[in-house]
Amino acid sequence: MIPETNSQSIKSLTYQADHLSVYFENDWYQENIAALITLLFSSIMPVTIQEKIIGADRENIRFSWQEHYFVLNFDYYSQSCWLEGLGSKSTEYLVNLYAALER
């Protein structure tokens, strides 16, 4: 059974120098990832999704935002979600992405 994602929200966002960790209010299933992506990206549009890599229990979404490239990672079994920069300049720009997501 897939829980309702319209009741989903971001519980917290944590900034580290090399990644951002995202925690959601409710547990989620792999089938919910598309809605979680929409929830995350809604405050930072426009975002361009470059590639989606779907695995058995993990999904990776490579995207660009403000001329920088990032990867949004979901791991269903550990209920983990995190964002990483692709390259040193994008990793340095994570602080800007964090500020935009926190709004």
Protein backbone atom coordinates (compact mmCIF):
# COMPACT_ATOMS: atom_id res chain seq x y z
CA MET A 1 0.00 0.00 0.00
CA ILE A 2 1.26 3.45 -0.92
CA PRO A 3 0.72 6.13 1.75
CA GLU A 4 -0.80 9.41 0.70
CA THR A 5 2.00 11.71 -0.41
CA ASN A 6 -0.09 14.88 -0.24
CA SER A 7 0.30 14.66 3.54
CA GLN A 8 4.08 14.40 3.17
CA SER A 9 6.30 17.30 4.15
CA ILE A 10 9.94 17.98 4.80
CA LYS A 11 10.72 17.47 8.48
CA SER A 12 14.24 18.88 8.31
CA LEU A 13 17.11 19.69 6.01
CA THR A 14 20.69 19.41 7.23
CA TYR A 15 23.67 21.08 5.55
CA GLN A 16 27.08 19.38 5.49
CA ALA A 17 30.02 20.67 3.44
CA ASP A 18 29.65 17.83 0.92
CA HIS A 19 25.91 17.05 0.99
CA LEU A 20 22.44 18.00 2.19
CA SER A 21 20.37 15.46 4.12
CA VAL A 22 16.59 15.57 3.75
CA TYR A 23 14.25 14.06 6.33
CA PHE A 24 10.54 13.63 5.60
CA GLU A 25 7.72 13.67 8.17
CA ASN A 26 6.41 10.25 7.16
CA ASP A 27 7.92 7.02 5.89
CA TRP A 28 7.78 6.69 2.14
CA TYR A 29 7.92 3.99 -0.50
CA GLN A 30 9.85 3.91 -3.75
CA GLU A 31 6.55 4.54 -5.55
CA ASN A 32 6.35 7.89 -3.71
CA ILE A 33 9.66 9.24 -5.01
CA ALA A 34 8.14 11.19 -7.93
CA ALA A 35 5.92 13.11 -5.48
CA LEU A 36 8.87 13.68 -3.14
CA ILE A 37 10.89 15.11 -6.03
CA THR A 38 8.03 17.49 -6.80
CA LEU A 39 7.86 18.50 -3.13
CA LEU A 40 11.60 19.20 -2.97
CA PHE A 41 11.86 21.02 -6.28
CA SER A 42 8.73 23.16 -5.87
CA SER A 43 10.62 25.90 -3.99
CA ILE A 44 13.64 26.04 -6.31
CA MET A 45 12.11 26.02 -9.79
CA PRO A 46 13.27 26.11 -12.50
CA VAL A 47 15.14 22.82 -12.23
CA THR A 48 16.20 20.74 -15.22
CA ILE A 49 16.28 17.00 -14.69
CA GLN A 50 19.15 15.59 -16.72
CA GLU A 51 18.85 11.89 -15.89
CA LYS A 52 17.03 9.43 -13.62
CA ILE A 53 18.68 6.20 -12.57
CA ILE A 54 16.25 3.74 -11.02
CA GLY A 55 17.53 0.74 -9.09
CA ALA A 56 15.91 -1.94 -6.97
CA ASP A 57 15.88 0.17 -3.79
CA ARG A 58 17.57 3.39 -4.83
CA GLU A 59 16.91 6.25 -7.24
CA ASN A 60 19.32 8.95 -8.34
CA ILE A 61 18.17 12.10 -10.11
CA ARG A 62 20.84 14.20 -11.78
CA PHE A 63 19.64 17.79 -12.23
CA SER A 64 20.84 21.31 -12.89
CA TRP A 65 19.88 24.39 -10.92
CA GLN A 66 21.30 27.87 -11.44
CA GLU A 67 23.96 26.55 -13.83
CA HIS A 68 25.25 23.97 -11.31
CA TYR A 69 24.80 20.20 -11.36
CA PHE A 70 23.59 18.06 -8.46
CA VAL A 71 22.39 14.55 -7.68
CA LEU A 72 19.31 13.88 -5.58
CA ASN A 73 19.57 10.41 -4.01
CA PHE A 74 16.82 8.28 -2.48
CA ASP A 75 17.41 4.98 -0.70
CA TYR A 76 14.13 3.31 0.18
CA TYR A 77 15.39 0.70 2.65
CA SER A 78 17.21 3.20 4.86
CA GLN A 79 14.61 5.95 4.24
CA SER A 80 17.53 8.18 3.22
CA CYS A 81 17.43 11.19 0.96
CA TRP A 82 20.40 13.43 0.24
CA LEU A 83 21.73 15.87 -2.34
CA GLU A 84 25.31 16.10 -3.58
CA GLY A 85 27.11 18.46 -5.92
CA LEU A 86 28.63 17.12 -9.13
CA GLY A 87 32.12 18.54 -9.05
CA SER A 88 33.83 20.95 -6.70
CA LYS A 89 32.03 24.13 -7.89
CA SER A 90 28.60 22.55 -7.49
CA THR A 91 29.59 21.15 -4.10
CA GLU A 92 30.60 24.65 -3.00
CA TYR A 93 27.21 25.89 -4.29
CA LEU A 94 25.33 23.46 -2.02
CA VAL A 95 25.06 26.21 0.59
CA ASN A 96 23.00 28.26 -1.90
CA LEU A 97 20.79 25.27 -2.67
CA TYR A 98 20.33 24.72 1.07
CA ALA A 99 19.27 28.36 1.57
CA ALA A 100 16.77 28.14 -1.29
CA LEU A 101 15.27 24.88 0.00
CA GLU A 102 14.98 26.28 3.52
CA ARG A 103 12.72 29.15 2.40
